[in-house]
Amino acid sequence: MFEHHQQPLLSKSAFFIRMLRCAMVTLALLILTLLIGIIFFHSTEHFSWIDSFLNSALIMTGLGLVNILNTCSGKLFTAFYALFSALAFYTILAIILTPLLHRMLHHLHLDIESKKRINE
């Protein structure tokens, strides 16, 4: 997926397409993670769709719940969903930052290699 350190730097348009692909993957992960929480809260806790979305979004951001949980399964799910959504957050962050960091390191490596050639 990424170019080798001896290959030239990816063009800006190709890099933009790579970033767009990464953004689409992260958006899909975000929507999937939200849907898991929304469906569970709606089906087990009988929250409205809006309340289910609100609780899922707030758990994902680490702010907590708005509604009171009534069932043991809801409380257990919420605990595991909070852990899962934290993992999803860091995964999403890694998917977005990896191409940027790779491009930066690749650019620096090319600069170092060109300076070595000049000094030889």
C-alpha atoms as a PDB file:
ATOM      1  CA  MET A   1       0.000   0.000   0.000  1.00  0.00           C
ATOM      2  CA  PHE A   2       2.834   2.407   0.807  1.00  0.00           C
ATOM      3  CA  GLU A   3       5.834   3.104  -1.369  1.00  0.00           C
ATOM      4  CA  HIS A   4       9.254   1.727  -0.461  1.00  0.00           C
ATOM      5  CA  HIS A   5      11.798   4.165   0.948  1.00  0.00           C
ATOM      6  CA  GLN A   6      13.860   3.937  -2.243  1.00  0.00           C
ATOM      7  CA  GLN A   7      10.890   4.861  -4.431  1.00  0.00           C
ATOM      8  CA  PRO A   8      10.081   8.514  -5.193  1.00  0.00           C
ATOM      9  CA  LEU A   9       7.570  10.407  -3.103  1.00  0.00           C
ATOM     10  CA  LEU A  10       3.966   9.787  -4.106  1.00  0.00           C
ATOM     11  CA  SER A  11       2.378  12.578  -6.168  1.00  0.00           C
ATOM     12  CA  LYS A  12      -0.012  14.934  -4.413  1.00  0.00           C
ATOM     13  CA  SER A  13      -3.027  13.624  -6.323  1.00  0.00           C
ATOM     14  CA  ALA A  14      -2.187   9.995  -5.519  1.00  0.00           C
ATOM     15  CA  PHE A  15      -1.605  10.948  -1.887  1.00  0.00           C
ATOM     16  CA  PHE A  16      -4.969  12.716  -1.810  1.00  0.00           C
ATOM     17  CA  ILE A  17      -6.628   9.528  -3.120  1.00  0.00           C
ATOM     18  CA  ARG A  18      -4.826   7.505  -0.429  1.00  0.00           C
ATOM     19  CA  MET A  19      -6.070   9.904   2.260  1.00  0.00           C
ATOM     20  CA  LEU A  20      -9.582   9.748   0.818  1.00  0.00           C
ATOM     21  CA  ARG A  21      -9.532   5.933   0.990  1.00  0.00           C
ATOM     22  CA  CYS A  22      -8.352   6.079   4.600  1.00  0.00           C
ATOM     23  CA  ALA A  23     -11.084   8.586   5.438  1.00  0.00           C
ATOM     24  CA  MET A  24     -13.726   6.302   3.907  1.00  0.00           C
ATOM     25  CA  VAL A  25     -12.466   3.342   5.952  1.00  0.00           C
ATOM     26  CA  THR A  26     -12.537   5.396   9.139  1.00  0.00           C
ATOM     27  CA  LEU A  27     -16.015   6.687   8.369  1.00  0.00           C
ATOM     28  CA  ALA A  28     -17.217   3.108   7.864  1.00  0.00           C
ATOM     29  CA  LEU A  29     -15.657   2.073  11.191  1.00  0.00           C
ATOM     30  CA  LEU A  30     -17.219   5.047  12.935  1.00  0.00           C
ATOM     31  CA  ILE A  31     -20.672   4.299  11.529  1.00  0.00           C
ATOM     32  CA  LEU A  32     -20.365   0.585  12.365  1.00  0.00           C
ATOM     33  CA  THR A  33     -19.314   1.335  15.929  1.00  0.00           C
ATOM     34  CA  LEU A  34     -22.187   3.780  16.361  1.00  0.00           C
ATOM     35  CA  LEU A  35     -24.698   1.342  14.864  1.00  0.00           C
ATOM     36  CA  ILE A  36     -23.695  -1.391  17.316  1.00  0.00           C
ATOM     37  CA  GLY A  37     -24.480   0.897  20.243  1.00  0.00           C
ATOM     38  CA  ILE A  38     -27.621   2.368  18.710  1.00  0.00           C
ATOM     39  CA  ILE A  39     -29.186  -1.007  17.936  1.00  0.00           C
ATOM     40  CA  PHE A  40     -28.316  -2.450  21.337  1.00  0.00           C
ATOM     41  CA  PHE A  41     -29.648   0.515  23.325  1.00  0.00           C
ATOM     42  CA  HIS A  42     -32.808   0.619  21.253  1.00  0.00           C
ATOM     43  CA  SER A  43     -33.519  -3.107  21.526  1.00  0.00           C
ATOM     44  CA  THR A  44     -32.541  -3.853  25.139  1.00  0.00           C
ATOM     45  CA  GLU A  45     -33.000  -0.587  26.997  1.00  0.00           C
ATOM     46  CA  HIS A  46     -35.933   0.516  24.805  1.00  0.00           C
ATOM     47  CA  PHE A  47     -34.494   3.991  24.284  1.00  0.00           C
ATOM     48  CA  SER A  48     -35.778   5.991  21.336  1.00  0.00           C
ATOM     49  CA  TRP A  49     -33.584   6.029  18.240  1.00  0.00           C
ATOM     50  CA  ILE A  50     -32.410   9.557  19.057  1.00  0.00           C
ATOM     51  CA  ASP A  51     -31.582   8.664  22.665  1.00  0.00           C
ATOM     52  CA  SER A  52     -29.809   5.515  21.485  1.00  0.00           C
ATOM     53  CA  PHE A  53     -27.716   7.574  19.067  1.00  0.00           C
ATOM     54  CA  LEU A  54     -26.982  10.189  21.734  1.00  0.00           C
ATOM     55  CA  ASN A  55     -25.869   7.607  24.305  1.00  0.00           C
ATOM     56  CA  SER A  56     -23.723   5.772  21.756  1.00  0.00           C
ATOM     57  CA  ALA A  57     -22.047   8.969  20.588  1.00  0.00           C
ATOM     58  CA  LEU A  58     -21.414  10.178  24.122  1.00  0.00           C
ATOM     59  CA  ILE A  59     -19.918   6.848  25.185  1.00  0.00           C
ATOM     60  CA  MET A  60     -17.666   6.886  22.118  1.00  0.00           C
ATOM     61  CA  THR A  61     -16.385  10.343  23.020  1.00  0.00           C
ATOM     62  CA  GLY A  62     -15.899   9.391  26.664  1.00  0.00           C
ATOM     63  CA  LEU A  63     -18.520  11.768  28.061  1.00  0.00           C
ATOM     64  CA  GLY A  64     -20.848   9.105  29.459  1.00  0.00           C
ATOM     65  CA  LEU A  65     -24.543   8.335  29.381  1.00  0.00           C
ATOM     66  CA  VAL A  66     -27.571  10.616  29.343  1.00  0.00           C
ATOM     67  CA  ASN A  67     -30.231   8.034  30.186  1.00  0.00           C
ATOM     68  CA  ILE A  68     -30.284   5.709  33.194  1.00  0.00           C
ATOM     69  CA  LEU A  69     -29.708   2.037  32.383  1.00  0.00           C
ATOM     70  CA  ASN A  70     -32.401  -0.327  33.660  1.00  0.00           C
ATOM     71  CA  THR A  71     -31.069  -3.790  32.850  1.00  0.00           C
ATOM     72  CA  CYS A  72     -28.007  -5.759  33.866  1.00  0.00           C
ATOM     73  CA  SER A  73     -27.301  -6.586  30.227  1.00  0.00           C
ATOM     74  CA  GLY A  74     -27.432  -2.878  29.394  1.00  0.00           C
ATOM     75  CA  LYS A  75     -24.905  -2.086  32.090  1.00  0.00           C
ATOM     76  CA  LEU A  76     -22.572  -4.883  31.003  1.00  0.00           C
ATOM     77  CA  PHE A  77     -22.885  -3.913  27.355  1.00  0.00           C
ATOM     78  CA  THR A  78     -22.163  -0.278  28.167  1.00  0.00           C
ATOM     79  CA  ALA A  79     -18.959  -1.221  29.993  1.00  0.00           C
ATOM     80  CA  PHE A  80     -17.713  -3.348  27.110  1.00  0.00           C
ATOM     81  CA  TYR A  81     -18.949  -0.846  24.521  1.00  0.00           C
ATOM     82  CA  ALA A  82     -16.925   1.889  26.217  1.00  0.00           C
ATOM     83  CA  LEU A  83     -13.787  -0.278  25.986  1.00  0.00           C
ATOM     84  CA  PHE A  84     -14.585  -1.272  22.408  1.00  0.00           C
ATOM     85  CA  SER A  85     -15.255   2.308  21.323  1.00  0.00           C
ATOM     86  CA  ALA A  86     -11.963   3.463  22.852  1.00  0.00           C
ATOM     87  CA  LEU A  87     -10.187   0.798  20.818  1.00  0.00           C
ATOM     88  CA  ALA A  88     -12.149   1.882  17.728  1.00  0.00           C
ATOM     89  CA  PHE A  89     -11.135   5.503  18.369  1.00  0.00           C
ATOM     90  CA  TYR A  90      -7.437   4.659  18.481  1.00  0.00           C
ATOM     91  CA  THR A  91      -7.777   2.468  15.398  1.00  0.00           C
ATOM     92  CA  ILE A  92      -9.473   5.293  13.511  1.00  0.00           C
ATOM     93  CA  LEU A  93      -6.761   7.687  14.646  1.00  0.00           C
ATOM     94  CA  ALA A  94      -4.045   5.315  13.438  1.00  0.00           C
ATOM     95  CA  ILE A  95      -5.713   4.840  10.044  1.00  0.00           C
ATOM     96  CA  ILE A  96      -5.920   8.601   9.523  1.00  0.00           C
ATOM     97  CA  LEU A  97      -2.418   9.441  10.781  1.00  0.00           C
ATOM     98  CA  THR A  98      -0.440   6.591   9.206  1.00  0.00           C
ATOM     99  CA  PRO A  99      -0.372   7.966   5.631  1.00  0.00           C
ATOM    100  CA  LEU A 100       0.533  11.436   6.910  1.00  0.00           C
ATOM    101  CA  LEU A 101       3.359  10.144   9.088  1.00  0.00           C
ATOM    102  CA  HIS A 102       4.596   7.831   6.345  1.00  0.00           C
ATOM    103  CA  ARG A 103       4.729  10.691   3.843  1.00  0.00           C
ATOM    104  CA  MET A 104       6.572  12.911   6.307  1.00  0.00           C
ATOM    105  CA  LEU A 105       9.142  10.211   7.149  1.00  0.00           C
ATOM    106  CA  HIS A 106       9.514   9.269   3.486  1.00  0.00           C
ATOM    107  CA  HIS A 107      10.159  12.911   2.578  1.00  0.00           C
ATOM    108  CA  LEU A 108      12.755  13.229   5.346  1.00  0.00           C
ATOM    109  CA  HIS A 109      14.433  10.006   4.222  1.00  0.00           C
ATOM    110  CA  LEU A 110      14.633  11.270   0.637  1.00  0.00           C
ATOM    111  CA  ASP A 111      16.179  14.531   1.877  1.00  0.00           C
ATOM    112  CA  ILE A 112      18.818  12.636   3.862  1.00  0.00           C
ATOM    113  CA  GLU A 113      19.611  10.385   0.903  1.00  0.00           C
ATOM    114  CA  SER A 114      19.995  13.353  -1.455  1.00  0.00           C
ATOM    115  CA  LYS A 115      22.346  15.091   1.010  1.00  0.00           C
ATOM    116  CA  LYS A 116      24.428  11.924   1.277  1.00  0.00           C
ATOM    117  CA  ARG A 117      24.772  11.791  -2.510  1.00  0.00           C
ATOM    118  CA  ILE A 118      25.836  15.449  -2.621  1.00  0.00           C
ATOM    119  CA  ASN A 119      28.520  14.886   0.023  1.00  0.00           C
ATOM    120  CA  GLU A 120      29.974  11.833  -1.754  1.00  0.00           C
END
